[in-house]
Amino acid sequence: MPVVDATGFEPVDLIPSSENPFFVTHYYEDLAVGDVFETSGYTIQKDEIVDFAEQFDPQPFHVDEEAAKDSMFGELVASGLHTLCLSVRLFVTEIVQGEADVANMGGLGMDNLEWHEPVRPDDTLTLRVEVLEKTPSESREDRGYVEFRRSVTVDETEVMSITSVNIVQREDAANAE
């Protein structure tokens, strides 16, 4: 049986794009405003909701099913921070290092975080990422800045949204290496 970490994900053995002919690296120039990437689904389990919350957000409606019944949710729900962390994991493993293979150099920040609906045990989360804006770096020729809108859905209902600005490598810089 494979080892599963605290998020419920199995460890990822990524093949660098240079060794995998099925990957097409998306450099700054390859991304266009309006481009959309979507991930497969990830089903969150009750045990991982409780485990995460016990460590990072130990509120009764995240860690205790009985206490959660008396909360405004009426049942156990995932911490919003857990949902955010899972969205980052999906972004990195399925978009940055996955099928889209975005030449991400790091992030500058996140804004506009909103939790629209609670996430419950056995919900399947899907991440949709849209390119909102691109800005070439004025001081560094090897990069540009890409603003993404990330939307987490359960059964096509948005449960969380956030915008992020990532530093994306320019193709000329990659070819010069």
Foldseek 3Di string as FASTA:
>chain_A
DADADLLRDGDDDFDPCVRDVQADEQFLVNADAFDKDKFDWDAAALVSQQVVCVVPPVDCLRHPQVVVCVDPNNGRFHDPVSVVVVLVVRCVVPCCRHRVVFQFPFWDDKDDKDFDATHDHGFIKMKMKGWHDKAQDPPDNQWIKTKIWIFIDTPPHTGIIMITITIGTHPVNVVVD
